[in-house]
Protein backbone atom coordinates (compact mmCIF):
# COMPACT_ATOMS: atom_id res chain seq x y z
CA UNK A 1 -160.55 -22.10 235.07
CA UNK A 2 -163.43 -22.38 232.73
CA UNK A 3 -166.18 -24.86 232.99
CA UNK A 4 -167.70 -26.69 230.03
CA UNK A 5 -171.33 -26.21 229.62
CA UNK A 6 -173.16 -29.61 229.54
CA UNK A 7 -174.71 -30.55 226.29
CA UNK A 8 -172.47 -28.25 224.28
CA UNK A 9 -171.06 -30.00 221.17
CA UNK A 10 -168.08 -28.64 219.31
CA UNK A 11 -168.68 -27.67 215.83
CA UNK A 12 -166.19 -28.65 213.12
CA UNK A 13 -163.69 -26.03 212.20
CA UNK A 14 -164.81 -24.10 209.30
CA UNK A 15 -162.45 -21.67 207.69
CA UNK A 16 -163.21 -18.10 208.18
CA UNK A 17 -165.38 -16.75 205.33
CA UNK A 18 -166.75 -20.20 204.57
CA UNK A 19 -170.50 -20.75 204.44
CA UNK A 20 -172.49 -23.80 205.50
CA UNK A 21 -172.74 -24.90 201.87
CA UNK A 22 -169.04 -25.18 201.74
CA UNK A 23 -169.07 -27.47 204.75
CA UNK A 24 -171.62 -29.70 203.26
CA UNK A 25 -169.45 -29.90 200.03
CA UNK A 26 -166.48 -30.90 202.20
CA UNK A 27 -168.44 -33.66 203.75
CA UNK A 28 -169.85 -34.86 200.52
CA UNK A 29 -166.26 -35.03 198.99
CA UNK A 30 -165.10 -37.74 201.57
CA UNK A 31 -166.89 -40.70 200.08
CA UNK A 32 -165.41 -39.87 196.58
CA UNK A 33 -162.03 -40.24 198.09
CA UNK A 34 -162.87 -43.64 199.35
CA UNK A 35 -164.15 -44.70 195.84
CA UNK A 36 -160.71 -43.43 194.50
CA UNK A 37 -159.07 -45.83 196.91
CA UNK A 38 -161.07 -48.83 195.47
CA UNK A 39 -160.12 -47.98 191.85
CA UNK A 40 -156.79 -49.71 191.94
CA UNK A 41 -158.62 -53.03 192.46
CA UNK A 42 -159.95 -52.80 188.89
CA UNK A 43 -156.41 -52.17 187.59
CA UNK A 44 -155.21 -55.33 189.26
CA UNK A 45 -157.94 -57.24 187.62
CA UNK A 46 -156.92 -55.99 184.20
CA UNK A 47 -153.17 -56.82 184.91
CA UNK A 48 -154.15 -60.24 185.98
CA UNK A 49 -156.30 -60.76 182.80
CA UNK A 50 -153.29 -59.59 180.75
CA UNK A 51 -150.90 -61.99 182.39
CA UNK A 52 -153.37 -64.79 182.06
CA UNK A 53 -153.53 -64.10 178.29
CA UNK A 54 -149.80 -64.04 178.09
CA UNK A 55 -149.48 -67.40 179.93
CA UNK A 56 -151.96 -68.94 177.57
CA UNK A 57 -149.90 -67.75 174.58
CA UNK A 58 -146.86 -69.23 176.15
CA UNK A 59 -148.44 -72.49 176.89
CA UNK A 60 -149.70 -72.69 173.20
CA UNK A 61 -146.13 -71.94 172.02
CA UNK A 62 -144.75 -74.61 174.24
CA UNK A 63 -147.33 -77.11 172.99
CA UNK A 64 -146.38 -76.39 169.47
CA UNK A 65 -142.72 -76.70 170.13
CA UNK A 66 -143.26 -79.96 171.96
CA UNK A 67 -145.16 -81.33 169.05
CA UNK A 68 -142.37 -80.17 166.65
CA UNK A 69 -139.85 -81.95 168.77
CA UNK A 70 -141.82 -85.14 168.90
CA UNK A 71 -142.33 -85.19 165.12
CA UNK A 72 -138.59 -84.42 164.63
CA UNK A 73 -137.70 -87.43 167.05
CA UNK A 74 -140.03 -89.73 165.16
CA UNK A 75 -138.52 -88.85 161.91
CA UNK A 76 -135.02 -89.40 163.11
CA UNK A 77 -136.05 -92.88 164.50
CA UNK A 78 -137.56 -93.71 161.15
CA UNK A 79 -134.39 -92.49 159.42
CA UNK A 80 -132.12 -94.55 161.70
CA UNK A 81 -134.31 -97.81 161.09
CA UNK A 82 -134.22 -97.10 157.31
CA UNK A 83 -130.45 -96.64 157.25
CA UNK A 84 -129.91 -99.76 159.41
CA UNK A 85 -132.23 -101.66 157.06
CA UNK A 86 -130.38 -100.48 153.92
CA UNK A 87 -127.12 -101.32 155.51
CA UNK A 88 -128.10 -104.92 156.07
CA UNK A 89 -129.67 -105.19 152.65
CA UNK A 90 -126.43 -103.78 151.00
CA UNK A 91 -124.35 -106.24 153.15
CA UNK A 92 -126.63 -109.20 152.15
CA UNK A 93 -126.29 -108.30 148.43
CA UNK A 94 -122.62 -108.04 148.64
CA UNK A 95 -122.38 -111.35 150.35
CA UNK A 96 -124.73 -113.01 148.00
CA UNK A 97 -122.74 -111.72 145.05
CA UNK A 98 -119.44 -113.06 146.53
CA UNK A 99 -120.81 -116.45 147.35
CA UNK A 100 -122.55 -116.73 143.87
CA UNK A 101 -119.14 -116.67 142.22
CA UNK A 102 -118.10 -119.52 144.53
CA UNK A 103 -121.01 -121.76 143.72
CA UNK A 104 -119.18 -123.50 140.82
CA UNK A 105 -116.32 -124.25 143.12
CA UNK A 106 -118.72 -125.72 145.69
CA UNK A 107 -120.31 -127.88 142.89
CA UNK A 108 -116.80 -129.13 141.85
CA UNK A 109 -116.16 -130.10 145.55
CA UNK A 110 -119.50 -131.88 145.78
CA UNK A 111 -118.84 -133.93 142.61
CA UNK A 112 -115.39 -134.78 143.86
CA UNK A 113 -116.71 -136.00 147.25
CA UNK A 114 -119.37 -138.13 145.33
CA UNK A 115 -116.58 -139.93 143.23
CA UNK A 116 -114.29 -140.39 146.15
CA UNK A 117 -111.80 -137.91 144.81
CA UNK A 118 -111.82 -135.49 147.90
CA UNK A 119 -108.55 -136.61 149.49
CA UNK A 120 -105.28 -135.22 150.86
CA UNK A 121 -104.56 -131.56 150.74
CA UNK A 122 -107.51 -130.92 148.44
CA UNK A 123 -109.95 -132.29 151.05
CA UNK A 124 -108.49 -129.99 153.71
CA UNK A 125 -108.77 -126.95 151.54
CA UNK A 126 -112.35 -127.91 150.42
CA UNK A 127 -113.46 -128.33 153.95
CA UNK A 128 -112.08 -125.09 155.06
CA UNK A 129 -113.86 -123.33 152.24
CA UNK A 130 -117.12 -124.91 153.18
CA UNK A 131 -116.68 -123.96 156.67
CA UNK A 132 -116.01 -120.28 155.78
CA UNK A 133 -119.04 -119.94 153.46
CA UNK A 134 -121.20 -121.54 156.16
CA UNK A 135 -120.08 -118.91 158.61
CA UNK A 136 -121.10 -116.21 156.02
CA UNK A 137 -124.60 -117.67 156.19
CA UNK A 138 -124.62 -119.93 153.10
CA UNK A 139 -126.91 -122.90 153.46
CA UNK A 140 -127.42 -125.73 151.00
CA UNK A 141 -130.85 -127.17 150.44
CA UNK A 142 -132.59 -129.83 148.10
CA UNK A 143 -133.22 -133.40 149.02
CA UNK A 144 -134.63 -136.40 147.13
CA UNK A 145 -138.13 -137.30 148.12
CA UNK A 146 -139.29 -133.80 149.13
CA UNK A 147 -142.37 -132.27 147.56
CA UNK A 148 -141.58 -130.00 144.55
CA UNK A 149 -141.82 -126.30 145.35
CA UNK A 150 -141.37 -123.98 142.34
CA UNK A 151 -140.19 -121.11 144.61
CA UNK A 152 -136.98 -123.00 145.47
CA UNK A 153 -136.81 -125.88 142.92
CA UNK A 154 -136.09 -125.76 139.26
CA UNK A 155 -137.31 -128.96 137.37
CA UNK A 156 -134.80 -129.87 134.79
CA UNK A 157 -136.32 -133.38 134.25
CA UNK A 158 -139.96 -134.62 134.38
CA UNK A 159 -141.49 -138.15 134.54
CA UNK A 160 -144.39 -140.19 135.97
CA UNK A 161 -144.19 -142.66 138.79
CA UNK A 162 -146.82 -145.01 140.28
CA UNK A 163 -145.39 -144.60 143.79
CA UNK A 164 -145.85 -140.90 144.18
CA UNK A 165 -149.01 -139.04 145.29
CA UNK A 166 -147.84 -135.61 144.43
CA UNK A 167 -145.17 -133.82 142.35
CA UNK A 168 -141.93 -135.00 144.06
CA UNK A 169 -138.22 -134.36 143.68
CA UNK A 170 -136.74 -137.81 142.68
CA UNK A 171 -133.28 -136.71 142.02
CA UNK A 172 -131.08 -133.65 142.93
CA UNK A 173 -128.99 -132.74 139.89
CA UNK A 174 -127.59 -129.54 141.51
CA UNK A 175 -128.19 -128.50 145.13
CA UNK A 176 -129.73 -125.08 145.88
CA UNK A 177 -128.19 -122.34 148.11
CA UNK A 178 -129.74 -119.52 150.30
CA UNK A 179 -128.59 -116.92 152.73
CA UNK A 180 -131.32 -116.43 155.33
CA UNK A 181 -134.48 -116.07 153.38
CA UNK A 182 -132.71 -115.00 150.09
CA UNK A 183 -132.36 -117.82 147.63
CA UNK A 184 -129.09 -117.53 145.72
CA UNK A 185 -129.82 -120.41 143.45
CA UNK A 186 -132.69 -122.78 143.24
CA UNK A 187 -132.21 -126.55 143.64
CA UNK A 188 -132.16 -128.11 140.11
CA UNK A 189 -134.07 -131.38 140.34
CA UNK A 190 -135.62 -134.16 138.56
CA UNK A 191 -139.45 -134.48 139.33
CA UNK A 192 -141.95 -137.17 139.08
CA UNK A 193 -145.76 -136.89 139.03
CA UNK A 194 -148.57 -139.56 139.56
CA UNK A 195 -149.51 -141.66 136.69
CA UNK A 196 -152.31 -139.89 134.84
CA UNK A 197 -155.77 -141.29 135.73
CA UNK A 198 -154.36 -143.21 138.73
CA UNK A 199 -156.35 -142.99 141.90
CA UNK A 200 -154.51 -141.72 144.95
CA UNK A 201 -153.13 -144.55 147.12
CA UNK A 202 -155.40 -143.56 150.03
CA UNK A 203 -158.50 -144.01 147.92
CA UNK A 204 -157.32 -147.39 146.60
CA UNK A 205 -156.82 -148.68 150.16
CA UNK A 206 -160.27 -147.32 151.29
CA UNK A 207 -161.91 -149.19 148.22
CA UNK A 208 -160.15 -152.39 149.13
CA UNK A 209 -161.32 -152.13 152.77
CA UNK A 210 -164.80 -151.61 151.54
CA UNK A 211 -164.76 -154.60 149.18
CA UNK A 212 -163.34 -156.79 151.98
CA UNK A 213 -165.99 -155.65 154.49
CA UNK A 214 -168.97 -156.82 152.22
CA UNK A 215 -171.31 -159.74 153.44
CA UNK A 216 -170.16 -163.17 152.60
CA UNK A 217 -172.33 -165.12 150.16
CA UNK A 218 -173.53 -168.78 150.85
């Protein structure tokens, strides 16, 4: 049995024929291997940067497609509203055209009623026709005593009257008809205006009150 000598350290194995310089080179080569092991970390950072750039591109493309979809949806909604509005307009025009052709018949019915000739079977037919056109939205307008409005009235006769303070419809010669806000025929009326130079009734009453409120003489 051999005994180890105290203080003796084993030397690293050196290949036969190798010098001390070769051993130093081997030792110096070890750190470079460790640096090589750290190199893949830089590659991972490059991959992450590339993936981030791709993600940004995808997000940009998604935002663009979302914007295109929103614009397309808005255009479709505008198209639907426009089609619905046109459909209603066409329906109103067709209804107004049909009812315009019936206005002379309604005028005859009105005159017959005024003269007491709306009786018997004729009365029943006339009332059925009036009910039908009312369901289609036809409305009659024009009354005596209402202020004259050139947008819905057509003045066929003109006169002056002392008892009016503004241009007033004093007689309805032919009633007007409308559907909703659309006027089919204006009301044909006779109008009266205040007498030229006549003071309004309100001013006359005010002047009379002032005269009566004066101090008594004597």
